[in-house]
C-alpha atoms as a PDB file:
ATOM      1  CA  UNK A   1       4.307  35.745  -5.001  1.00  0.00           C
ATOM      2  CA  UNK A   2       5.738  33.074  -7.546  1.00  0.00           C
ATOM      3  CA  UNK A   3       4.453  29.951  -7.842  1.00  0.00           C
ATOM      4  CA  UNK A   4       6.521  27.240  -9.136  1.00  0.00           C
ATOM      5  CA  UNK A   5       4.679  24.500 -11.448  1.00  0.00           C
ATOM      6  CA  UNK A   6       5.229  22.560 -14.013  1.00  0.00           C
ATOM      7  CA  UNK A   7       3.900  21.826 -17.353  1.00  0.00           C
ATOM      8  CA  UNK A   8       3.924  18.633 -19.719  1.00  0.00           C
ATOM      9  CA  UNK A   9       3.705  18.361 -23.357  1.00  0.00           C
ATOM     10  CA  UNK A  10       3.164  15.507 -25.837  1.00  0.00           C
ATOM     11  CA  UNK A  11       5.665  15.477 -28.076  1.00  0.00           C
ATOM     12  CA  UNK A  12       5.527  17.255 -30.860  1.00  0.00           C
ATOM     13  CA  UNK A  13       2.664  19.232 -29.714  1.00  0.00           C
ATOM     14  CA  UNK A  14       1.916  22.550 -31.214  1.00  0.00           C
ATOM     15  CA  UNK A  15      -0.321  25.344 -30.509  1.00  0.00           C
ATOM     16  CA  UNK A  16      -3.212  25.420 -27.509  1.00  0.00           C
ATOM     17  CA  UNK A  17      -4.631  21.798 -26.398  1.00  0.00           C
ATOM     18  CA  UNK A  18      -6.154  20.321 -24.507  1.00  0.00           C
ATOM     19  CA  UNK A  19      -5.184  20.785 -20.903  1.00  0.00           C
ATOM     20  CA  UNK A  20      -5.456  18.231 -17.352  1.00  0.00           C
ATOM     21  CA  UNK A  21      -5.108  20.366 -14.615  1.00  0.00           C
ATOM     22  CA  UNK A  22      -3.429  18.191 -11.611  1.00  0.00           C
ATOM     23  CA  UNK A  23      -3.265  19.781  -8.315  1.00  0.00           C
ATOM     24  CA  UNK A  24      -1.210  17.201  -5.937  1.00  0.00           C
ATOM     25  CA  UNK A  25      -2.250  15.809  -2.544  1.00  0.00           C
ATOM     26  CA  UNK A  26      -1.645  16.162   0.825  1.00  0.00           C
ATOM     27  CA  UNK A  27      -1.846  19.777   0.426  1.00  0.00           C
ATOM     28  CA  UNK A  28       1.684  19.030   1.698  1.00  0.00           C
ATOM     29  CA  UNK A  29       3.391  17.353   0.284  1.00  0.00           C
ATOM     30  CA  UNK A  30       5.173  18.922  -3.236  1.00  0.00           C
ATOM     31  CA  UNK A  31       5.360  18.001  -7.446  1.00  0.00           C
ATOM     32  CA  UNK A  32       8.447  17.872  -8.537  1.00  0.00           C
ATOM     33  CA  UNK A  33      10.587  16.277 -11.619  1.00  0.00           C
ATOM     34  CA  UNK A  34      10.360  12.787 -10.648  1.00  0.00           C
ATOM     35  CA  UNK A  35       8.707  10.373 -12.762  1.00  0.00           C
ATOM     36  CA  UNK A  36       4.826  10.828 -12.068  1.00  0.00           C
ATOM     37  CA  UNK A  37       2.221   8.134 -13.202  1.00  0.00           C
ATOM     38  CA  UNK A  38      -0.704   9.931 -13.330  1.00  0.00           C
ATOM     39  CA  UNK A  39       1.352  13.200 -15.372  1.00  0.00           C
ATOM     40  CA  UNK A  40       3.106  10.217 -17.747  1.00  0.00           C
ATOM     41  CA  UNK A  41      -0.785   8.727 -18.179  1.00  0.00           C
ATOM     42  CA  UNK A  42      -2.707  12.546 -19.471  1.00  0.00           C
ATOM     43  CA  UNK A  43       0.659  13.460 -21.485  1.00  0.00           C
ATOM     44  CA  UNK A  44       0.990   9.273 -23.281  1.00  0.00           C
ATOM     45  CA  UNK A  45      -3.501  10.534 -24.332  1.00  0.00           C
ATOM     46  CA  UNK A  46      -2.189  13.647 -25.683  1.00  0.00           C
ATOM     47  CA  UNK A  47      -2.986  16.241 -23.546  1.00  0.00           C
ATOM     48  CA  UNK A  48      -0.818  19.063 -21.127  1.00  0.00           C
ATOM     49  CA  UNK A  49      -0.636  18.256 -18.258  1.00  0.00           C
ATOM     50  CA  UNK A  50      -0.306  21.780 -15.396  1.00  0.00           C
ATOM     51  CA  UNK A  51       1.207  21.463 -11.840  1.00  0.00           C
ATOM     52  CA  UNK A  52       1.934  24.428  -9.361  1.00  0.00           C
ATOM     53  CA  UNK A  53       2.661  23.857  -6.412  1.00  0.00           C
ATOM     54  CA  UNK A  54      -0.113  26.298  -4.544  1.00  0.00           C
ATOM     55  CA  UNK A  55       0.505  27.604  -1.194  1.00  0.00           C
ATOM     56  CA  UNK A  56       0.312  24.967   1.326  1.00  0.00           C
ATOM     57  CA  UNK A  57       2.807  22.686  -0.373  1.00  0.00           C
ATOM     58  CA  UNK A  58       6.123  21.463   0.994  1.00  0.00           C
ATOM     59  CA  UNK A  59       9.987  22.070   0.736  1.00  0.00           C
ATOM     60  CA  UNK A  60       9.155  25.934   0.203  1.00  0.00           C
ATOM     61  CA  UNK A  61       9.598  27.404   3.374  1.00  0.00           C
ATOM     62  CA  UNK A  62       7.626  27.873   6.807  1.00  0.00           C
ATOM     63  CA  UNK A  63       5.983  30.723   5.586  1.00  0.00           C
ATOM     64  CA  UNK A  64       4.977  28.756   2.364  1.00  0.00           C
ATOM     65  CA  UNK A  65       3.416  25.951   3.927  1.00  0.00           C
ATOM     66  CA  UNK A  66       1.556  27.785   6.478  1.00  0.00           C
ATOM     67  CA  UNK A  67       0.375  30.269   3.994  1.00  0.00           C
ATOM     68  CA  UNK A  68      -2.051  27.328   2.975  1.00  0.00           C
ATOM     69  CA  UNK A  69      -3.027  26.542   7.308  1.00  0.00           C
ATOM     70  CA  UNK A  70      -7.305  27.245   7.118  1.00  0.00           C
ATOM     71  CA  UNK A  71      -6.885  28.650   3.318  1.00  0.00           C
ATOM     72  CA  UNK A  72      -8.005  25.738   1.559  1.00  0.00           C
ATOM     73  CA  UNK A  73     -10.787  26.978  -0.205  1.00  0.00           C
ATOM     74  CA  UNK A  74      -9.598  31.097  -0.172  1.00  0.00           C
ATOM     75  CA  UNK A  75      -5.241  31.010  -1.242  1.00  0.00           C
ATOM     76  CA  UNK A  76      -4.845  27.162  -2.430  1.00  0.00           C
ATOM     77  CA  UNK A  77      -8.133  27.302  -4.118  1.00  0.00           C
ATOM     78  CA  UNK A  78      -7.098  31.065  -5.958  1.00  0.00           C
ATOM     79  CA  UNK A  79      -3.310  29.647  -6.812  1.00  0.00           C
ATOM     80  CA  UNK A  80      -4.671  26.514  -8.963  1.00  0.00           C
ATOM     81  CA  UNK A  81      -7.096  29.066 -10.694  1.00  0.00           C
ATOM     82  CA  UNK A  82      -4.171  31.865 -11.187  1.00  0.00           C
ATOM     83  CA  UNK A  83      -2.247  28.674 -12.785  1.00  0.00           C
ATOM     84  CA  UNK A  84      -4.682  27.997 -14.587  1.00  0.00           C
ATOM     85  CA  UNK A  85      -5.720  31.545 -15.756  1.00  0.00           C
ATOM     86  CA  UNK A  86      -1.533  31.721 -17.087  1.00  0.00           C
ATOM     87  CA  UNK A  87      -2.075  28.513 -19.178  1.00  0.00           C
ATOM     88  CA  UNK A  88      -4.271  29.787 -21.092  1.00  0.00           C
ATOM     89  CA  UNK A  89      -2.403  33.272 -21.539  1.00  0.00           C
ATOM     90  CA  UNK A  90       1.041  31.238 -22.234  1.00  0.00           C
ATOM     91  CA  UNK A  91      -1.096  30.032 -25.005  1.00  0.00           C
ATOM     92  CA  UNK A  92      -0.953  26.178 -23.416  1.00  0.00           C
ATOM     93  CA  UNK A  93      -4.247  25.351 -22.878  1.00  0.00           C
ATOM     94  CA  UNK A  94      -7.523  26.012 -25.403  1.00  0.00           C
ATOM     95  CA  UNK A  95     -10.089  27.780 -22.599  1.00  0.00           C
ATOM     96  CA  UNK A  96     -12.851  25.285 -24.450  1.00  0.00           C
ATOM     97  CA  UNK A  97     -11.280  21.881 -23.328  1.00  0.00           C
ATOM     98  CA  UNK A  98     -10.085  22.243 -19.318  1.00  0.00           C
ATOM     99  CA  UNK A  99     -10.212  19.127 -17.194  1.00  0.00           C
ATOM    100  CA  UNK A 100      -9.425  19.635 -13.484  1.00  0.00           C
ATOM    101  CA  UNK A 101      -8.148  16.170 -11.891  1.00  0.00           C
ATOM    102  CA  UNK A 102      -6.961  15.245  -8.434  1.00  0.00           C
ATOM    103  CA  UNK A 103      -7.274  12.580  -6.119  1.00  0.00           C
ATOM    104  CA  UNK A 104      -7.243  12.771  -1.513  1.00  0.00           C
ATOM    105  CA  UNK A 105      -6.545  17.186  -1.706  1.00  0.00           C
ATOM    106  CA  UNK A 106      -6.870  17.269  -5.069  1.00  0.00           C
ATOM    107  CA  UNK A 107      -9.804  15.023  -5.304  1.00  0.00           C
ATOM    108  CA  UNK A 108     -11.175  18.022  -2.761  1.00  0.00           C
ATOM    109  CA  UNK A 109      -9.544  20.922  -5.410  1.00  0.00           C
ATOM    110  CA  UNK A 110     -10.783  19.708  -8.369  1.00  0.00           C
ATOM    111  CA  UNK A 111     -14.587  19.708  -6.888  1.00  0.00           C
ATOM    112  CA  UNK A 112     -14.161  22.831  -5.066  1.00  0.00           C
ATOM    113  CA  UNK A 113     -12.609  23.898  -8.619  1.00  0.00           C
ATOM    114  CA  UNK A 114     -15.856  23.200 -10.766  1.00  0.00           C
ATOM    115  CA  UNK A 115     -18.219  24.586  -8.199  1.00  0.00           C
ATOM    116  CA  UNK A 116     -16.359  27.870  -7.468  1.00  0.00           C
ATOM    117  CA  UNK A 117     -14.769  28.227 -11.237  1.00  0.00           C
ATOM    118  CA  UNK A 118     -18.078  26.803 -13.586  1.00  0.00           C
ATOM    119  CA  UNK A 119     -17.484  28.624 -16.678  1.00  0.00           C
ATOM    120  CA  UNK A 120     -13.855  27.541 -16.262  1.00  0.00           C
ATOM    121  CA  UNK A 121     -13.327  24.188 -16.390  1.00  0.00           C
ATOM    122  CA  UNK A 122     -14.731  21.409 -19.238  1.00  0.00           C
ATOM    123  CA  UNK A 123     -15.082  18.872 -16.773  1.00  0.00           C
ATOM    124  CA  UNK A 124     -14.092  16.885 -13.119  1.00  0.00           C
ATOM    125  CA  UNK A 125     -12.317  14.200 -12.199  1.00  0.00           C
ATOM    126  CA  UNK A 126     -11.980  13.202  -8.317  1.00  0.00           C
ATOM    127  CA  UNK A 127     -10.465  10.325  -7.284  1.00  0.00           C
ATOM    128  CA  UNK A 128     -11.040   9.608  -3.173  1.00  0.00           C
ATOM    129  CA  UNK A 129     -11.710  13.141  -2.391  1.00  0.00           C
ATOM    130  CA  UNK A 130     -12.226  15.220   0.538  1.00  0.00           C
ATOM    131  CA  UNK A 131     -16.054  16.731   0.077  1.00  0.00           C
ATOM    132  CA  UNK A 132     -16.930  17.439   3.122  1.00  0.00           C
ATOM    133  CA  UNK A 133     -14.565  19.209   5.868  1.00  0.00           C
ATOM    134  CA  UNK A 134     -17.287  19.681   8.403  1.00  0.00           C
ATOM    135  CA  UNK A 135     -17.993  15.951   8.575  1.00  0.00           C
ATOM    136  CA  UNK A 136     -13.577  15.220   7.830  1.00  0.00           C
ATOM    137  CA  UNK A 137     -13.218  17.716  10.936  1.00  0.00           C
ATOM    138  CA  UNK A 138     -16.203  16.059  13.056  1.00  0.00           C
ATOM    139  CA  UNK A 139     -14.522  11.945  11.908  1.00  0.00           C
ATOM    140  CA  UNK A 140     -10.692  13.112  12.756  1.00  0.00           C
ATOM    141  CA  UNK A 141     -12.011  13.787  16.337  1.00  0.00           C
ATOM    142  CA  UNK A 142     -11.510  10.085  16.789  1.00  0.00           C
ATOM    143  CA  UNK A 143      -7.985  10.147  15.829  1.00  0.00           C
ATOM    144  CA  UNK A 144      -4.347  11.285  17.357  1.00  0.00           C
ATOM    145  CA  UNK A 145      -3.802  13.135  14.435  1.00  0.00           C
ATOM    146  CA  UNK A 146      -7.410  15.684  14.654  1.00  0.00           C
ATOM    147  CA  UNK A 147      -5.513  18.611  16.004  1.00  0.00           C
ATOM    148  CA  UNK A 148      -3.293  18.627  12.797  1.00  0.00           C
ATOM    149  CA  UNK A 149      -6.109  18.317  10.772  1.00  0.00           C
ATOM    150  CA  UNK A 150      -7.571  21.080  12.519  1.00  0.00           C
ATOM    151  CA  UNK A 151      -4.430  23.290  11.974  1.00  0.00           C
ATOM    152  CA  UNK A 152      -4.911  22.086   8.264  1.00  0.00           C
ATOM    153  CA  UNK A 153      -8.574  22.994   7.537  1.00  0.00           C
ATOM    154  CA  UNK A 154      -9.269  24.741   9.870  1.00  0.00           C
ATOM    155  CA  UNK A 155     -12.232  24.935  12.575  1.00  0.00           C
ATOM    156  CA  UNK A 156     -14.448  27.770  12.548  1.00  0.00           C
ATOM    157  CA  UNK A 157     -17.885  25.185  11.055  1.00  0.00           C
ATOM    158  CA  UNK A 158     -19.632  28.696   9.469  1.00  0.00           C
ATOM    159  CA  UNK A 159     -16.447  28.655   7.062  1.00  0.00           C
ATOM    160  CA  UNK A 160     -15.965  24.429   7.070  1.00  0.00           C
ATOM    161  CA  UNK A 161     -19.211  24.992   5.630  1.00  0.00           C
ATOM    162  CA  UNK A 162     -18.361  27.620   2.742  1.00  0.00           C
ATOM    163  CA  UNK A 163     -15.685  25.922   2.591  1.00  0.00           C
ATOM    164  CA  UNK A 164     -17.085  21.913   1.069  1.00  0.00           C
ATOM    165  CA  UNK A 165     -18.187  21.156  -2.609  1.00  0.00           C
ATOM    166  CA  UNK A 166     -20.456  18.765  -1.107  1.00  0.00           C
ATOM    167  CA  UNK A 167     -22.332  21.747  -0.110  1.00  0.00           C
ATOM    168  CA  UNK A 168     -21.933  23.119  -3.227  1.00  0.00           C
ATOM    169  CA  UNK A 169     -22.983  20.794  -5.627  1.00  0.00           C
ATOM    170  CA  UNK A 170     -25.419  23.332  -7.367  1.00  0.00           C
ATOM    171  CA  UNK A 171     -22.965  24.990  -8.690  1.00  0.00           C
ATOM    172  CA  UNK A 172     -21.754  23.047 -10.930  1.00  0.00           C
ATOM    173  CA  UNK A 173     -22.260  22.664 -14.251  1.00  0.00           C
ATOM    174  CA  UNK A 174     -19.910  20.857 -15.872  1.00  0.00           C
ATOM    175  CA  UNK A 175     -19.323  16.515 -15.730  1.00  0.00           C
ATOM    176  CA  UNK A 176     -18.493  15.266 -13.351  1.00  0.00           C
ATOM    177  CA  UNK A 177     -16.461  11.589 -12.908  1.00  0.00           C
ATOM    178  CA  UNK A 178     -15.714  10.299  -9.008  1.00  0.00           C
ATOM    179  CA  UNK A 179     -14.273   7.234  -7.736  1.00  0.00           C
ATOM    180  CA  UNK A 180     -13.247   6.272  -4.061  1.00  0.00           C
ATOM    181  CA  UNK A 181     -11.843   3.211  -2.991  1.00  0.00           C
ATOM    182  CA  UNK A 182     -14.153   0.864  -0.699  1.00  0.00           C
ATOM    183  CA  UNK A 183     -12.129   0.863   2.281  1.00  0.00           C
ATOM    184  CA  UNK A 184      -9.472   4.178   2.183  1.00  0.00           C
ATOM    185  CA  UNK A 185      -8.776   4.193   5.547  1.00  0.00           C
ATOM    186  CA  UNK A 186      -6.943   7.495   4.616  1.00  0.00           C
ATOM    187  CA  UNK A 187     -10.533   9.383   3.294  1.00  0.00           C
ATOM    188  CA  UNK A 188     -13.649   7.683   4.702  1.00  0.00           C
ATOM    189  CA  UNK A 189     -15.020   6.969   1.348  1.00  0.00           C
ATOM    190  CA  UNK A 190     -18.322   7.841   2.596  1.00  0.00           C
ATOM    191  CA  UNK A 191     -16.866  11.268   1.510  1.00  0.00           C
ATOM    192  CA  UNK A 192     -16.632   9.930  -2.061  1.00  0.00           C
ATOM    193  CA  UNK A 193     -20.670   9.020  -1.575  1.00  0.00           C
ATOM    194  CA  UNK A 194     -21.868  12.066  -0.230  1.00  0.00           C
ATOM    195  CA  UNK A 195     -20.527  14.225  -3.490  1.00  0.00           C
ATOM    196  CA  UNK A 196     -22.488  11.712  -5.538  1.00  0.00           C
ATOM    197  CA  UNK A 197     -25.404  12.015  -3.512  1.00  0.00           C
ATOM    198  CA  UNK A 198     -25.703  15.973  -3.384  1.00  0.00           C
ATOM    199  CA  UNK A 199     -24.968  15.983  -6.964  1.00  0.00           C
ATOM    200  CA  UNK A 200     -26.671  13.688  -7.722  1.00  0.00           C
ATOM    201  CA  UNK A 201     -29.626  15.227  -5.886  1.00  0.00           C
ATOM    202  CA  UNK A 202     -28.969  18.420  -7.952  1.00  0.00           C
ATOM    203  CA  UNK A 203     -29.598  16.971 -11.085  1.00  0.00           C
ATOM    204  CA  UNK A 204     -25.705  17.341 -12.045  1.00  0.00           C
ATOM    205  CA  UNK A 205     -24.819  15.059 -14.396  1.00  0.00           C
ATOM    206  CA  UNK A 206     -21.750  12.382 -12.464  1.00  0.00           C
ATOM    207  CA  UNK A 207     -20.807   9.352 -12.682  1.00  0.00           C
ATOM    208  CA  UNK A 208     -19.207   7.569  -9.039  1.00  0.00           C
ATOM    209  CA  UNK A 209     -17.674   4.021  -8.761  1.00  0.00           C
ATOM    210  CA  UNK A 210     -16.986   2.269  -5.786  1.00  0.00           C
ATOM    211  CA  UNK A 211     -13.864   0.421  -6.540  1.00  0.00           C
ATOM    212  CA  UNK A 212     -13.941  -3.514  -4.703  1.00  0.00           C
ATOM    213  CA  UNK A 213     -10.926  -3.349  -1.036  1.00  0.00           C
ATOM    214  CA  UNK A 214      -9.612  -0.131  -2.788  1.00  0.00           C
ATOM    215  CA  UNK A 215      -7.656   1.797  -0.516  1.00  0.00           C
ATOM    216  CA  UNK A 216      -5.530   5.614  -0.489  1.00  0.00           C
ATOM    217  CA  UNK A 217      -3.206   4.809  -3.461  1.00  0.00           C
ATOM    218  CA  UNK A 218      -4.905   2.172  -6.165  1.00  0.00           C
ATOM    219  CA  UNK A 219      -2.484  -0.212  -4.844  1.00  0.00           C
ATOM    220  CA  UNK A 220      -4.448  -3.277  -6.088  1.00  0.00           C
ATOM    221  CA  UNK A 221      -3.426  -2.984  -9.775  1.00  0.00           C
ATOM    222  CA  UNK A 222      -6.535  -4.535 -10.898  1.00  0.00           C
ATOM    223  CA  UNK A 223      -8.098  -1.192  -9.573  1.00  0.00           C
ATOM    224  CA  UNK A 224      -5.368   1.150 -10.718  1.00  0.00           C
ATOM    225  CA  UNK A 225      -6.258  -0.655 -14.142  1.00  0.00           C
ATOM    226  CA  UNK A 226     -10.058   0.445 -13.466  1.00  0.00           C
ATOM    227  CA  UNK A 227      -9.708   3.770 -12.457  1.00  0.00           C
ATOM    228  CA  UNK A 228      -7.712   5.330 -15.474  1.00  0.00           C
ATOM    229  CA  UNK A 229      -9.551   2.921 -18.113  1.00  0.00           C
ATOM    230  CA  UNK A 230     -12.725   5.280 -16.806  1.00  0.00           C
ATOM    231  CA  UNK A 231     -10.300   8.219 -16.690  1.00  0.00           C
ATOM    232  CA  UNK A 232      -9.291   7.760 -20.467  1.00  0.00           C
ATOM    233  CA  UNK A 233     -13.262   7.088 -21.799  1.00  0.00           C
ATOM    234  CA  UNK A 234     -14.102  10.416 -19.920  1.00  0.00           C
ATOM    235  CA  UNK A 235     -11.905  12.465 -20.708  1.00  0.00           C
ATOM    236  CA  UNK A 236     -12.376  11.318 -24.205  1.00  0.00           C
ATOM    237  CA  UNK A 237     -15.644  12.278 -24.275  1.00  0.00           C
ATOM    238  CA  UNK A 238     -15.314  15.306 -23.304  1.00  0.00           C
ATOM    239  CA  UNK A 239     -11.503  16.393 -24.759  1.00  0.00           C
ATOM    240  CA  UNK A 240     -11.025  16.139 -27.920  1.00  0.00           C
ATOM    241  CA  UNK A 241      -7.026  14.940 -28.092  1.00  0.00           C
ATOM    242  CA  UNK A 242      -4.804  16.020 -30.780  1.00  0.00           C
ATOM    243  CA  UNK A 243      -3.354  13.499 -33.293  1.00  0.00           C
ATOM    244  CA  UNK A 244       0.082  13.456 -32.612  1.00  0.00           C
ATOM    245  CA  UNK A 245       2.841  12.602 -35.929  1.00  0.00           C
ATOM    246  CA  UNK A 246       4.365   8.550 -34.430  1.00  0.00           C
ATOM    247  CA  UNK A 247       7.948   9.381 -33.038  1.00  0.00           C
END
């Protein structure tokens, strides 16, 4: 199966670069050629950015979309990991300087990535992440979209536990930055708090920041600036940005 995706590169960049792996949210959405302030921010910082439309993404046919149902920690995770290895083998990414970053489902993918692939990444950033699928299933049962969520994540309790980054905190070996809006109505802030607690209890390096009055979309300008400032500082401490000539 060919997994379509995009690479975004800093102007005048040469050789292997520190790289951001940026799985999209949803997961039933799609990366396209439209402007993304996330992508542009990282490229402006001197990083290469790799985004893939893993199975479960929208707009590539029903069977492609359906392949991601109940496979967040299996098919989707494997497609993202394959994309990372492609970036390394293609000479784009410096294998010693790779960070996985994402929001919402992308945040889940980032946390799962560093738990499942402890030697692949240098660090992880998760904004408004899902961290415990069993908790998500219990919470969603109170809402009208519960069947949709169960279709996405599955219903087997043992599988949901095995697919939850919060329950794999002891496997994480790299620094993690977690940010979550205090009033997020899409992914409950308890998901971010729970992951922070699990990582701390496991003795891991984690920074947790709660954004006052923040929602799921960084709608408040002050929160958006604060979040991207935190990411800039965090990434600069764990990745080495190349010196690029002035354009």
